[in-house]
Amino acid sequence: MRALLILVLISLSACSTHGVISTADNLQPAVSSPSVMINLIQTKRYSLPRDAHPKLQECLDFAVKEMQVGETCRWDHKNAVGFVKLVKIDSRQCHIMYNTLYYKKKPKYWQTTACWSTGVNKWLFT
């Protein structure tokens, strides 16, 4: 029974955090069922609402199409505020951007790289 509970919690954790942007911090090492559950609850509590994701994507799209190195795009949605700063365009013409998100009074910082793919004829973000 305990093994089944662990598998269910891990499955829920993996499924529910796919594509999630969360400002949760101080997560526990996932060594037990309670720690996995605590992490899942914290991540969900501080997850950016799905309807805010298009605002972030609009800003990223604007950055690769219109911005110059050093410029920043600001987006907001309800109680979330974010910034995308274009920091570099490398020799392959990939755009390196720093992202900042403030949600539920917590910050999150990460880097995004966008490279043009001639195979699919669009920007691919990593």
Protein backbone atom coordinates (compact mmCIF):
# COMPACT_ATOMS: atom_id res chain seq x y z
CA MET A 1 0.00 0.00 0.00
CA ARG A 2 2.77 2.43 0.90
CA ALA A 3 4.57 1.72 -2.38
CA LEU A 4 1.35 2.43 -4.26
CA LEU A 5 0.92 5.74 -2.43
CA ILE A 6 4.47 6.75 -3.33
CA LEU A 7 3.88 5.91 -7.00
CA VAL A 8 0.64 7.89 -7.04
CA LEU A 9 2.29 10.91 -5.42
CA ILE A 10 5.21 10.81 -7.82
CA SER A 11 2.83 10.52 -10.78
CA LEU A 12 0.73 13.42 -9.57
CA SER A 13 3.82 15.47 -8.96
CA ALA A 14 5.26 14.79 -12.40
CA CYS A 15 1.99 15.40 -14.26
CA SER A 16 0.92 18.49 -12.42
CA THR A 17 4.22 20.35 -12.64
CA HIS A 18 4.78 19.94 -16.39
CA GLY A 19 5.10 23.41 -17.85
CA VAL A 20 4.56 25.05 -14.47
CA ILE A 21 6.29 28.27 -13.52
CA SER A 22 6.42 28.52 -9.75
CA THR A 23 8.01 30.95 -7.33
CA ALA A 24 8.07 28.27 -4.62
CA ASP A 25 11.40 28.01 -2.86
CA ASN A 26 12.87 26.01 0.01
CA LEU A 27 11.49 22.75 -1.37
CA GLN A 28 12.29 19.59 0.58
CA PRO A 29 14.51 16.79 -0.77
CA ALA A 30 12.07 14.28 -2.27
CA VAL A 31 13.10 11.34 -0.07
CA SER A 32 9.73 10.45 1.43
CA SER A 33 6.02 10.58 0.65
CA PRO A 34 5.41 13.54 2.99
CA SER A 35 8.26 15.56 1.47
CA VAL A 36 6.95 14.90 -2.07
CA MET A 37 3.47 15.97 -0.98
CA ILE A 38 4.79 19.13 0.72
CA ASN A 39 6.72 20.04 -2.44
CA LEU A 40 3.65 19.45 -4.60
CA ILE A 41 1.51 21.68 -2.37
CA GLN A 42 4.16 24.45 -2.29
CA THR A 43 4.66 24.31 -6.04
CA LYS A 44 0.91 24.51 -6.71
CA ARG A 45 0.46 27.32 -4.18
CA TYR A 46 3.04 29.52 -5.89
CA SER A 47 2.38 28.48 -9.51
CA LEU A 48 1.72 31.20 -12.03
CA PRO A 49 -1.87 30.84 -13.29
CA ARG A 50 -2.15 29.27 -16.75
CA ASP A 51 -3.94 32.34 -18.11
CA ALA A 52 -0.82 34.44 -17.37
CA HIS A 53 1.47 32.27 -19.51
CA PRO A 54 0.40 33.94 -22.80
CA LYS A 55 1.49 37.32 -21.40
CA LEU A 56 4.97 35.94 -20.75
CA GLN A 57 5.07 34.35 -24.21
CA GLU A 58 4.01 37.63 -25.86
CA CYS A 59 6.90 39.38 -24.17
CA LEU A 60 9.36 36.65 -25.23
CA ASP A 61 8.09 36.83 -28.81
CA PHE A 62 8.42 40.61 -28.80
CA ALA A 63 11.98 40.31 -27.46
CA VAL A 64 13.18 38.07 -30.29
CA LYS A 65 11.39 39.98 -33.05
CA GLU A 66 11.68 43.63 -32.03
CA MET A 67 14.09 44.31 -29.16
CA GLN A 68 17.74 45.29 -29.18
CA VAL A 69 20.31 43.97 -26.70
CA GLY A 70 19.84 45.70 -23.35
CA GLU A 71 16.12 46.40 -23.79
CA THR A 72 13.48 45.04 -21.44
CA CYS A 73 9.87 44.03 -21.96
CA ARG A 74 7.43 44.20 -19.02
CA TRP A 75 4.27 42.13 -18.71
CA ASP A 76 1.66 41.84 -16.02
CA HIS A 77 -1.43 39.78 -15.36
CA LYS A 78 -3.57 40.24 -12.26
CA ASN A 79 -1.11 39.86 -9.35
CA ALA A 80 1.88 38.70 -11.43
CA VAL A 81 4.54 40.97 -12.92
CA GLY A 82 7.38 39.88 -15.15
CA PHE A 83 10.29 41.24 -17.13
CA VAL A 84 12.21 39.82 -20.07
CA LYS A 85 15.58 41.41 -20.79
CA LEU A 86 17.43 40.64 -24.02
CA VAL A 87 21.04 40.30 -22.85
CA LYS A 88 22.82 38.83 -25.86
CA ILE A 89 22.50 37.71 -29.47
CA ASP A 90 25.19 35.12 -30.09
CA SER A 91 27.05 34.22 -33.29
CA ARG A 92 24.28 31.76 -34.28
CA GLN A 93 21.73 34.59 -33.89
CA CYS A 94 20.25 32.90 -30.80
CA HIS A 95 18.72 35.37 -28.36
CA ILE A 96 19.61 34.98 -24.69
CA MET A 97 17.09 36.54 -22.31
CA TYR A 98 16.93 36.92 -18.55
CA ASN A 99 13.46 36.49 -17.07
CA THR A 100 12.19 37.85 -13.79
CA LEU A 101 8.82 37.00 -12.30
CA TYR A 102 7.21 38.39 -9.15
CA TYR A 103 4.23 36.35 -7.99
CA LYS A 104 2.70 36.19 -4.52
CA LYS A 105 5.49 38.46 -3.27
CA LYS A 106 8.18 35.99 -4.32
CA PRO A 107 10.69 36.39 -7.15
CA LYS A 108 11.83 33.83 -9.69
CA TYR A 109 14.77 34.31 -12.04
CA TRP A 110 15.71 32.18 -15.05
CA GLN A 111 17.29 32.33 -18.48
CA THR A 112 15.63 31.59 -21.81
CA THR A 113 17.36 31.05 -25.13
CA ALA A 114 15.52 31.38 -28.44
CA CYS A 115 17.05 30.17 -31.70
CA TRP A 116 15.53 30.40 -35.16
CA SER A 117 14.88 26.99 -36.69
CA THR A 118 14.81 26.98 -40.46
CA GLY A 119 13.47 23.40 -40.35
CA VAL A 120 10.20 24.44 -38.72
CA ASN A 121 10.43 28.11 -39.70
CA LYS A 122 9.92 29.50 -36.19
CA TRP A 123 11.70 30.47 -32.98
CA LEU A 124 12.41 27.59 -30.62
CA PHE A 125 12.66 28.46 -26.94
CA THR A 126 14.71 26.56 -24.36
